[in-house]
Amino acid sequence: MRSLKRAGAEGVALLAAAVVFLVPFSFMLLTAVKDDVQSADLDFSWPTSWPIVRNFVEVVQARDFILLRAYVNSVVVTVASVAIIVIVGAMAAFVLQRRAGRVGAVANFLVLTGLIIPPAVVPTIWLLQAIGLFKTLPGLVLVEVAFGLAYAMLLFRAFIAAIPRELDQAAMIDGCGALSLFFRVIFPLLRPVTITVILTSSVRIFNDFVNPLYFLPGDENATVQVTLYNFQSQYSTQWNLLFMDIVLITIPPLLAFVFFNRKIVAGLTAGSIKG
């Protein structure tokens, strides 16, 4: 009896997940392959024509190939931000985990506030302008790092808590310095949680819309999410091109989650259990 109830509950959960995720995704795909007239209806009707190639070419060629430039900008920002988040987050988490005390408690409080307190847009713009990084890719990289570092540090610290301190002492006796201890002994052991941080942070930064909109305005600095504005206007919207753009933007994060889903879950589970 319990097995039947459990199977029924799992079936309902799978059905609800299918409705929540598959219905919007199918609507997006159907609209992306329609022509201008039929896509304006915004319904689930089957396309009467299939201008897939034409929609794809128009999206890519829009505004002097801005989508291609946006892909390059998004990749640069994502790779640079994730690299800094992984290295700095892992090192900071190692120090906080190994050196508990009043300073560590204050640092942990600041990390938690980084997850709780929402970011302030206007003061951040003032700060970027003061250091000359407003409307630049390095400025956006610093913003993404600042907003994603606390999450990474929590994951790394939970995983590092399971690494015995005796390993540190043995490495120090063998002559390892602080940096050598971390990069040669500790960091290789963080591979599961590092993969999780890389994948989740990459998807978050690549799909970020608000930060590039505020801190990196301008067509030359556009990221992929900002290109959605290309097909919207005050009086009319090219829905087929808009949804085709969304499809092209969604493909990289979707593939990342499909191929690395088990590694993401394994890294999160290992960190939660060992923490």
C-alpha atoms as a PDB file:
ATOM      1  CA  MET A   1       0.000   0.000   0.000  1.00  0.00           C
ATOM      2  CA  ARG A   2       2.788   2.390   0.890  1.00  0.00           C
ATOM      3  CA  SER A   3       4.607   1.568  -2.332  1.00  0.00           C
ATOM      4  CA  LEU A   4       1.478   2.402  -4.329  1.00  0.00           C
ATOM      5  CA  LYS A   5       1.089   5.724  -2.549  1.00  0.00           C
ATOM      6  CA  ARG A   6       4.746   6.505  -3.100  1.00  0.00           C
ATOM      7  CA  ALA A   7       4.490   5.628  -6.788  1.00  0.00           C
ATOM      8  CA  GLY A   8       1.385   7.783  -7.090  1.00  0.00           C
ATOM      9  CA  ALA A   9       3.081  10.725  -5.411  1.00  0.00           C
ATOM     10  CA  GLU A  10       6.112  10.361  -7.678  1.00  0.00           C
ATOM     11  CA  GLY A  11       3.832  10.219 -10.718  1.00  0.00           C
ATOM     12  CA  VAL A  12       2.045  13.397  -9.670  1.00  0.00           C
ATOM     13  CA  ALA A  13       5.372  15.133  -9.057  1.00  0.00           C
ATOM     14  CA  LEU A  14       6.685  14.117 -12.491  1.00  0.00           C
ATOM     15  CA  LEU A  15       3.474  15.260 -14.140  1.00  0.00           C
ATOM     16  CA  ALA A  16       3.618  18.625 -12.376  1.00  0.00           C
ATOM     17  CA  ALA A  17       7.274  19.042 -13.372  1.00  0.00           C
ATOM     18  CA  ALA A  18       6.405  18.215 -16.982  1.00  0.00           C
ATOM     19  CA  VAL A  19       3.629  20.800 -17.011  1.00  0.00           C
ATOM     20  CA  VAL A  20       5.791  23.481 -15.422  1.00  0.00           C
ATOM     21  CA  PHE A  21       8.849  22.992 -17.637  1.00  0.00           C
ATOM     22  CA  LEU A  22       7.748  21.305 -20.854  1.00  0.00           C
ATOM     23  CA  VAL A  23       4.688  23.433 -21.611  1.00  0.00           C
ATOM     24  CA  PRO A  24       6.566  26.784 -21.662  1.00  0.00           C
ATOM     25  CA  PHE A  25       9.460  25.189 -23.543  1.00  0.00           C
ATOM     26  CA  SER A  26       7.170  23.736 -26.222  1.00  0.00           C
ATOM     27  CA  PHE A  27       5.402  27.093 -26.566  1.00  0.00           C
ATOM     28  CA  MET A  28       8.762  28.784 -27.047  1.00  0.00           C
ATOM     29  CA  LEU A  29       9.828  26.319 -29.742  1.00  0.00           C
ATOM     30  CA  LEU A  30       6.527  26.534 -31.606  1.00  0.00           C
ATOM     31  CA  THR A  31       6.575  30.323 -31.653  1.00  0.00           C
ATOM     32  CA  ALA A  32      10.225  30.413 -32.746  1.00  0.00           C
ATOM     33  CA  VAL A  33       9.511  28.459 -35.960  1.00  0.00           C
ATOM     34  CA  LYS A  34       6.417  30.440 -37.042  1.00  0.00           C
ATOM     35  CA  ASP A  35       6.206  33.388 -39.399  1.00  0.00           C
ATOM     36  CA  ASP A  36       5.534  36.978 -38.303  1.00  0.00           C
ATOM     37  CA  VAL A  37       1.757  36.813 -38.769  1.00  0.00           C
ATOM     38  CA  GLN A  38       1.066  33.531 -37.025  1.00  0.00           C
ATOM     39  CA  SER A  39       3.484  34.157 -34.166  1.00  0.00           C
ATOM     40  CA  ALA A  40       1.558  37.320 -33.266  1.00  0.00           C
ATOM     41  CA  ASP A  41      -1.343  35.129 -32.077  1.00  0.00           C
ATOM     42  CA  LEU A  42       0.786  33.712 -29.224  1.00  0.00           C
ATOM     43  CA  ASP A  43      -1.012  30.381 -29.122  1.00  0.00           C
ATOM     44  CA  PHE A  44      -0.185  26.684 -29.322  1.00  0.00           C
ATOM     45  CA  SER A  45      -1.386  26.279 -32.904  1.00  0.00           C
ATOM     46  CA  TRP A  46       0.742  24.188 -35.247  1.00  0.00           C
ATOM     47  CA  PRO A  47       2.820  26.311 -37.668  1.00  0.00           C
ATOM     48  CA  THR A  48       1.355  26.623 -41.157  1.00  0.00           C
ATOM     49  CA  SER A  49       4.862  27.295 -42.494  1.00  0.00           C
ATOM     50  CA  TRP A  50       8.322  26.526 -41.146  1.00  0.00           C
ATOM     51  CA  PRO A  51      10.644  29.524 -41.722  1.00  0.00           C
ATOM     52  CA  ILE A  52      13.252  28.130 -39.319  1.00  0.00           C
ATOM     53  CA  VAL A  53      16.307  29.048 -41.375  1.00  0.00           C
ATOM     54  CA  ARG A  54      14.966  32.509 -42.190  1.00  0.00           C
ATOM     55  CA  ASN A  55      14.218  33.264 -38.531  1.00  0.00           C
ATOM     56  CA  PHE A  56      17.633  31.992 -37.511  1.00  0.00           C
ATOM     57  CA  VAL A  57      19.432  34.133 -40.109  1.00  0.00           C
ATOM     58  CA  GLU A  58      17.445  37.245 -39.193  1.00  0.00           C
ATOM     59  CA  VAL A  59      18.246  36.813 -35.511  1.00  0.00           C
ATOM     60  CA  VAL A  60      21.948  36.342 -36.156  1.00  0.00           C
ATOM     61  CA  GLN A  61      22.179  39.245 -38.619  1.00  0.00           C
ATOM     62  CA  ALA A  62      20.096  41.672 -36.536  1.00  0.00           C
ATOM     63  CA  ARG A  63      21.825  45.002 -35.799  1.00  0.00           C
ATOM     64  CA  ASP A  64      25.116  44.093 -37.467  1.00  0.00           C
ATOM     65  CA  PHE A  65      25.449  40.616 -35.923  1.00  0.00           C
ATOM     66  CA  ILE A  66      25.041  41.858 -32.370  1.00  0.00           C
ATOM     67  CA  LEU A  67      24.157  38.342 -31.172  1.00  0.00           C
ATOM     68  CA  LEU A  68      27.610  37.061 -32.163  1.00  0.00           C
ATOM     69  CA  ARG A  69      29.314  39.926 -30.352  1.00  0.00           C
ATOM     70  CA  ALA A  70      27.055  39.295 -27.380  1.00  0.00           C
ATOM     71  CA  TYR A  71      28.068  35.631 -27.297  1.00  0.00           C
ATOM     72  CA  VAL A  72      31.734  36.622 -27.221  1.00  0.00           C
ATOM     73  CA  ASN A  73      31.111  39.129 -24.416  1.00  0.00           C
ATOM     74  CA  SER A  74      29.065  36.632 -22.411  1.00  0.00           C
ATOM     75  CA  VAL A  75      31.724  33.931 -22.760  1.00  0.00           C
ATOM     76  CA  VAL A  76      34.507  36.323 -21.719  1.00  0.00           C
ATOM     77  CA  VAL A  77      32.565  37.563 -18.693  1.00  0.00           C
ATOM     78  CA  THR A  78      31.500  34.046 -17.696  1.00  0.00           C
ATOM     79  CA  VAL A  79      34.953  32.469 -17.965  1.00  0.00           C
ATOM     80  CA  ALA A  80      36.737  35.318 -16.161  1.00  0.00           C
ATOM     81  CA  SER A  81      34.122  35.572 -13.396  1.00  0.00           C
ATOM     82  CA  VAL A  82      33.955  31.823 -12.755  1.00  0.00           C
ATOM     83  CA  ALA A  83      37.750  31.510 -12.653  1.00  0.00           C
ATOM     84  CA  ILE A  84      38.006  34.247 -10.020  1.00  0.00           C
ATOM     85  CA  ILE A  85      35.055  32.867  -8.030  1.00  0.00           C
ATOM     86  CA  VAL A  86      36.558  29.367  -7.915  1.00  0.00           C
ATOM     87  CA  ILE A  87      40.088  30.396  -6.934  1.00  0.00           C
ATOM     88  CA  VAL A  88      39.216  33.171  -4.491  1.00  0.00           C
ATOM     89  CA  GLY A  89      36.193  31.341  -3.060  1.00  0.00           C
ATOM     90  CA  ALA A  90      38.133  28.140  -2.423  1.00  0.00           C
ATOM     91  CA  MET A  91      41.081  29.947  -0.833  1.00  0.00           C
ATOM     92  CA  ALA A  92      38.874  32.109   1.378  1.00  0.00           C
ATOM     93  CA  ALA A  93      36.781  29.120   2.430  1.00  0.00           C
ATOM     94  CA  PHE A  94      39.933  27.183   3.338  1.00  0.00           C
ATOM     95  CA  VAL A  95      41.221  30.010   5.527  1.00  0.00           C
ATOM     96  CA  LEU A  96      37.866  30.508   7.255  1.00  0.00           C
ATOM     97  CA  GLN A  97      37.465  26.794   7.900  1.00  0.00           C
ATOM     98  CA  ARG A  98      40.958  26.254   9.262  1.00  0.00           C
ATOM     99  CA  ARG A  99      41.253  29.457  11.314  1.00  0.00           C
ATOM    100  CA  ALA A 100      38.168  29.735  13.454  1.00  0.00           C
ATOM    101  CA  GLY A 101      37.965  32.685  15.833  1.00  0.00           C
ATOM    102  CA  ARG A 102      36.433  36.105  16.226  1.00  0.00           C
ATOM    103  CA  VAL A 103      37.776  37.290  12.893  1.00  0.00           C
ATOM    104  CA  GLY A 104      36.440  34.141  11.252  1.00  0.00           C
ATOM    105  CA  ALA A 105      33.036  34.644  12.852  1.00  0.00           C
ATOM    106  CA  VAL A 106      32.856  38.188  11.528  1.00  0.00           C
ATOM    107  CA  ALA A 107      33.899  36.976   8.088  1.00  0.00           C
ATOM    108  CA  ASN A 108      31.234  34.262   8.136  1.00  0.00           C
ATOM    109  CA  PHE A 109      28.633  36.856   9.066  1.00  0.00           C
ATOM    110  CA  LEU A 110      29.697  39.008   6.127  1.00  0.00           C
ATOM    111  CA  VAL A 111      29.465  36.001   3.804  1.00  0.00           C
ATOM    112  CA  LEU A 112      25.920  35.286   4.962  1.00  0.00           C
ATOM    113  CA  THR A 113      24.933  38.921   4.523  1.00  0.00           C
ATOM    114  CA  GLY A 114      26.196  38.648   0.957  1.00  0.00           C
ATOM    115  CA  LEU A 115      23.506  36.041   0.362  1.00  0.00           C
ATOM    116  CA  ILE A 116      20.724  37.826   2.234  1.00  0.00           C
ATOM    117  CA  ILE A 117      21.097  41.540   1.464  1.00  0.00           C
ATOM    118  CA  PRO A 118      20.027  42.438  -2.095  1.00  0.00           C
ATOM    119  CA  PRO A 119      22.560  44.301  -4.243  1.00  0.00           C
ATOM    120  CA  ALA A 120      22.324  48.094  -4.470  1.00  0.00           C
ATOM    121  CA  VAL A 121      22.470  49.235  -8.082  1.00  0.00           C
ATOM    122  CA  VAL A 122      23.107  52.969  -7.756  1.00  0.00           C
ATOM    123  CA  PRO A 123      25.990  52.765  -5.209  1.00  0.00           C
ATOM    124  CA  THR A 124      27.573  50.029  -7.332  1.00  0.00           C
ATOM    125  CA  ILE A 125      27.405  52.286 -10.398  1.00  0.00           C
ATOM    126  CA  TRP A 126      28.992  55.126  -8.402  1.00  0.00           C
ATOM    127  CA  LEU A 127      31.793  52.815  -7.286  1.00  0.00           C
ATOM    128  CA  LEU A 128      32.456  51.551 -10.825  1.00  0.00           C
ATOM    129  CA  GLN A 129      32.517  55.118 -12.124  1.00  0.00           C
ATOM    130  CA  ALA A 130      34.954  56.145  -9.384  1.00  0.00           C
ATOM    131  CA  ILE A 131      37.430  53.409 -10.349  1.00  0.00           C
ATOM    132  CA  GLY A 132      36.866  53.876 -14.083  1.00  0.00           C
ATOM    133  CA  LEU A 133      35.288  50.483 -14.770  1.00  0.00           C
ATOM    134  CA  PHE A 134      31.696  51.449 -15.527  1.00  0.00           C
ATOM    135  CA  LYS A 135      30.532  50.226 -18.967  1.00  0.00           C
ATOM    136  CA  THR A 136      33.502  47.873 -19.217  1.00  0.00           C
ATOM    137  CA  LEU A 137      33.794  44.083 -19.219  1.00  0.00           C
ATOM    138  CA  PRO A 138      36.223  44.045 -16.253  1.00  0.00           C
ATOM    139  CA  GLY A 139      33.713  46.075 -14.252  1.00  0.00           C
ATOM    140  CA  LEU A 140      30.954  43.580 -14.976  1.00  0.00           C
ATOM    141  CA  VAL A 141      33.293  40.728 -14.070  1.00  0.00           C
ATOM    142  CA  LEU A 142      33.910  42.307 -10.657  1.00  0.00           C
ATOM    143  CA  VAL A 143      30.161  42.717 -10.135  1.00  0.00           C
ATOM    144  CA  GLU A 144      29.463  39.072 -11.016  1.00  0.00           C
ATOM    145  CA  VAL A 145      32.263  37.923  -8.721  1.00  0.00           C
ATOM    146  CA  ALA A 146      30.972  40.043  -5.850  1.00  0.00           C
ATOM    147  CA  PHE A 147      27.432  38.675  -6.219  1.00  0.00           C
ATOM    148  CA  GLY A 148      28.473  35.021  -6.617  1.00  0.00           C
ATOM    149  CA  LEU A 149      31.393  34.682  -4.218  1.00  0.00           C
ATOM    150  CA  ALA A 150      29.372  34.105  -1.034  1.00  0.00           C
ATOM    151  CA  TYR A 151      27.501  31.133  -2.523  1.00  0.00           C
ATOM    152  CA  ALA A 152      30.749  29.529  -3.685  1.00  0.00           C
ATOM    153  CA  MET A 153      32.431  30.046  -0.325  1.00  0.00           C
ATOM    154  CA  LEU A 154      29.611  28.284   1.516  1.00  0.00           C
ATOM    155  CA  LEU A 155      29.869  25.250  -0.755  1.00  0.00           C
ATOM    156  CA  PHE A 156      33.646  25.104  -0.531  1.00  0.00           C
ATOM    157  CA  ARG A 157      33.679  25.505   3.225  1.00  0.00           C
ATOM    158  CA  ALA A 158      31.176  22.696   3.745  1.00  0.00           C
ATOM    159  CA  PHE A 159      33.366  20.396   1.669  1.00  0.00           C
ATOM    160  CA  ILE A 160      36.663  21.471   3.271  1.00  0.00           C
ATOM    161  CA  ALA A 161      35.238  20.711   6.724  1.00  0.00           C
ATOM    162  CA  ALA A 162      35.481  16.986   5.882  1.00  0.00           C
ATOM    163  CA  ILE A 163      39.195  17.155   5.016  1.00  0.00           C
ATOM    164  CA  PRO A 164      41.236  16.149   8.102  1.00  0.00           C
ATOM    165  CA  ARG A 165      43.511  18.775   9.588  1.00  0.00           C
ATOM    166  CA  GLU A 166      46.187  16.076   9.953  1.00  0.00           C
ATOM    167  CA  LEU A 167      46.617  16.274   6.184  1.00  0.00           C
ATOM    168  CA  ASP A 168      47.590  19.937   6.517  1.00  0.00           C
ATOM    169  CA  GLN A 169      50.059  19.166   9.271  1.00  0.00           C
ATOM    170  CA  ALA A 170      51.669  16.339   7.303  1.00  0.00           C
ATOM    171  CA  ALA A 171      52.088  18.588   4.265  1.00  0.00           C
ATOM    172  CA  MET A 172      53.602  21.368   6.393  1.00  0.00           C
ATOM    173  CA  ILE A 173      56.066  18.890   7.913  1.00  0.00           C
ATOM    174  CA  ASP A 174      57.082  17.860   4.392  1.00  0.00           C
ATOM    175  CA  GLY A 175      57.963  21.472   3.654  1.00  0.00           C
ATOM    176  CA  CYS A 176      54.816  22.833   1.962  1.00  0.00           C
ATOM    177  CA  GLY A 177      54.164  26.532   2.322  1.00  0.00           C
ATOM    178  CA  ALA A 178      50.710  28.034   2.591  1.00  0.00           C
ATOM    179  CA  LEU A 179      50.120  28.372  -1.160  1.00  0.00           C
ATOM    180  CA  SER A 180      51.758  25.035  -1.929  1.00  0.00           C
ATOM    181  CA  LEU A 181      49.601  23.354   0.714  1.00  0.00           C
ATOM    182  CA  PHE A 182      46.431  24.721  -0.804  1.00  0.00           C
ATOM    183  CA  PHE A 183      47.128  24.230  -4.510  1.00  0.00           C
ATOM    184  CA  ARG A 184      48.992  20.903  -4.289  1.00  0.00           C
ATOM    185  CA  VAL A 185      47.111  19.189  -1.456  1.00  0.00           C
ATOM    186  CA  ILE A 186      43.740  20.772  -0.699  1.00  0.00           C
ATOM    187  CA  PHE A 187      42.505  22.099  -4.036  1.00  0.00           C
ATOM    188  CA  PRO A 188      42.772  18.754  -5.894  1.00  0.00           C
ATOM    189  CA  LEU A 189      40.527  17.210  -3.243  1.00  0.00           C
ATOM    190  CA  LEU A 190      37.846  19.826  -3.969  1.00  0.00           C
ATOM    191  CA  ARG A 191      37.177  18.540  -7.492  1.00  0.00           C
ATOM    192  CA  PRO A 192      33.500  17.485  -6.946  1.00  0.00           C
ATOM    193  CA  VAL A 193      32.412  20.756  -5.370  1.00  0.00           C
ATOM    194  CA  THR A 194      34.573  22.749  -7.794  1.00  0.00           C
ATOM    195  CA  ILE A 195      32.688  21.227 -10.734  1.00  0.00           C
ATOM    196  CA  THR A 196      29.408  22.145  -9.058  1.00  0.00           C
ATOM    197  CA  VAL A 197      30.505  25.738  -8.474  1.00  0.00           C
ATOM    198  CA  ILE A 198      31.782  26.074 -12.045  1.00  0.00           C
ATOM    199  CA  LEU A 199      28.577  24.789 -13.638  1.00  0.00           C
ATOM    200  CA  THR A 200      26.076  26.605 -11.445  1.00  0.00           C
ATOM    201  CA  SER A 201      27.999  29.877 -11.544  1.00  0.00           C
ATOM    202  CA  SER A 202      28.501  29.649 -15.305  1.00  0.00           C
ATOM    203  CA  VAL A 203      24.794  29.172 -15.952  1.00  0.00           C
ATOM    204  CA  ARG A 204      23.877  31.999 -13.573  1.00  0.00           C
ATOM    205  CA  ILE A 205      26.334  34.479 -15.076  1.00  0.00           C
ATOM    206  CA  PHE A 206      25.637  33.499 -18.687  1.00  0.00           C
ATOM    207  CA  ASN A 207      21.885  33.919 -18.108  1.00  0.00           C
ATOM    208  CA  ASP A 208      22.230  37.134 -16.117  1.00  0.00           C
ATOM    209  CA  PHE A 209      20.095  39.949 -17.503  1.00  0.00           C
ATOM    210  CA  VAL A 210      19.945  42.618 -14.795  1.00  0.00           C
ATOM    211  CA  ASN A 211      23.647  43.188 -14.158  1.00  0.00           C
ATOM    212  CA  PRO A 212      24.663  43.645 -17.829  1.00  0.00           C
ATOM    213  CA  LEU A 213      21.652  45.888 -18.334  1.00  0.00           C
ATOM    214  CA  TYR A 214      22.656  48.223 -15.490  1.00  0.00           C
ATOM    215  CA  PHE A 215      26.444  48.003 -15.431  1.00  0.00           C
ATOM    216  CA  LEU A 216      27.310  47.334 -19.081  1.00  0.00           C
ATOM    217  CA  PRO A 217      24.976  49.401 -21.290  1.00  0.00           C
ATOM    218  CA  GLY A 218      25.589  49.864 -25.003  1.00  0.00           C
ATOM    219  CA  ASP A 219      25.428  47.666 -28.097  1.00  0.00           C
ATOM    220  CA  GLU A 220      29.174  47.066 -28.220  1.00  0.00           C
ATOM    221  CA  ASN A 221      29.129  45.598 -24.720  1.00  0.00           C
ATOM    222  CA  ALA A 222      25.850  43.693 -25.034  1.00  0.00           C
ATOM    223  CA  THR A 223      25.528  40.204 -23.590  1.00  0.00           C
ATOM    224  CA  VAL A 224      23.217  37.501 -24.916  1.00  0.00           C
ATOM    225  CA  GLN A 225      20.336  38.256 -22.556  1.00  0.00           C
ATOM    226  CA  VAL A 226      20.309  41.944 -23.434  1.00  0.00           C
ATOM    227  CA  THR A 227      19.808  41.085 -27.124  1.00  0.00           C
ATOM    228  CA  LEU A 228      16.201  40.212 -26.291  1.00  0.00           C
ATOM    229  CA  TYR A 229      15.491  43.938 -26.555  1.00  0.00           C
ATOM    230  CA  ASN A 230      16.359  43.829 -30.270  1.00  0.00           C
ATOM    231  CA  PHE A 231      12.988  42.408 -31.251  1.00  0.00           C
ATOM    232  CA  GLN A 232      10.769  44.422 -28.898  1.00  0.00           C
ATOM    233  CA  SER A 233       9.458  47.917 -29.408  1.00  0.00           C
ATOM    234  CA  GLN A 234       6.744  50.167 -28.052  1.00  0.00           C
ATOM    235  CA  TYR A 235       4.311  49.455 -30.863  1.00  0.00           C
ATOM    236  CA  SER A 236       5.119  45.979 -32.163  1.00  0.00           C
ATOM    237  CA  THR A 237       7.108  42.897 -31.222  1.00  0.00           C
ATOM    238  CA  GLN A 238       8.558  40.282 -33.571  1.00  0.00           C
ATOM    239  CA  TRP A 239       7.575  37.319 -31.445  1.00  0.00           C
ATOM    240  CA  ASN A 240       9.003  34.663 -33.733  1.00  0.00           C
ATOM    241  CA  LEU A 241      12.437  36.331 -33.754  1.00  0.00           C
ATOM    242  CA  LEU A 242      12.262  37.057 -30.039  1.00  0.00           C
ATOM    243  CA  PHE A 243      11.583  33.414 -29.197  1.00  0.00           C
ATOM    244  CA  MET A 244      14.183  32.223 -31.713  1.00  0.00           C
ATOM    245  CA  ASP A 245      16.683  34.418 -29.880  1.00  0.00           C
ATOM    246  CA  ILE A 246      15.577  32.866 -26.587  1.00  0.00           C
ATOM    247  CA  VAL A 247      16.074  29.380 -28.054  1.00  0.00           C
ATOM    248  CA  LEU A 248      19.611  30.218 -29.182  1.00  0.00           C
ATOM    249  CA  ILE A 249      20.408  31.698 -25.776  1.00  0.00           C
ATOM    250  CA  THR A 250      18.919  28.742 -23.886  1.00  0.00           C
ATOM    251  CA  ILE A 251      20.855  26.027 -25.729  1.00  0.00           C
ATOM    252  CA  PRO A 252      24.284  26.345 -23.954  1.00  0.00           C
ATOM    253  CA  PRO A 253      22.948  26.326 -20.345  1.00  0.00           C
ATOM    254  CA  LEU A 254      20.475  23.571 -21.215  1.00  0.00           C
ATOM    255  CA  LEU A 255      23.202  21.356 -22.646  1.00  0.00           C
ATOM    256  CA  ALA A 256      25.379  22.034 -19.605  1.00  0.00           C
ATOM    257  CA  PHE A 257      22.664  20.855 -17.231  1.00  0.00           C
ATOM    258  CA  VAL A 258      21.790  17.827 -19.364  1.00  0.00           C
ATOM    259  CA  PHE A 259      25.363  16.518 -19.576  1.00  0.00           C
ATOM    260  CA  PHE A 260      26.588  17.525 -16.113  1.00  0.00           C
ATOM    261  CA  ASN A 261      23.435  17.118 -14.021  1.00  0.00           C
ATOM    262  CA  ARG A 262      24.823  14.177 -12.049  1.00  0.00           C
ATOM    263  CA  LYS A 263      28.050  16.003 -11.246  1.00  0.00           C
ATOM    264  CA  ILE A 264      26.112  19.044 -10.022  1.00  0.00           C
ATOM    265  CA  VAL A 265      23.945  16.917  -7.719  1.00  0.00           C
ATOM    266  CA  ALA A 266      26.951  14.922  -6.519  1.00  0.00           C
ATOM    267  CA  GLY A 267      28.881  18.049  -5.610  1.00  0.00           C
ATOM    268  CA  LEU A 268      25.950  19.606  -3.748  1.00  0.00           C
ATOM    269  CA  THR A 269      25.167  16.363  -1.904  1.00  0.00           C
ATOM    270  CA  ALA A 270      28.771  15.751  -0.913  1.00  0.00           C
ATOM    271  CA  GLY A 271      29.092  19.270   0.443  1.00  0.00           C
ATOM    272  CA  SER A 272      25.855  19.089   2.403  1.00  0.00           C
ATOM    273  CA  ILE A 273      26.646  15.718   3.962  1.00  0.00           C
ATOM    274  CA  LYS A 274      30.271  16.431   4.797  1.00  0.00           C
ATOM    275  CA  GLY A 275      29.558  19.909   6.100  1.00  0.00           C
END
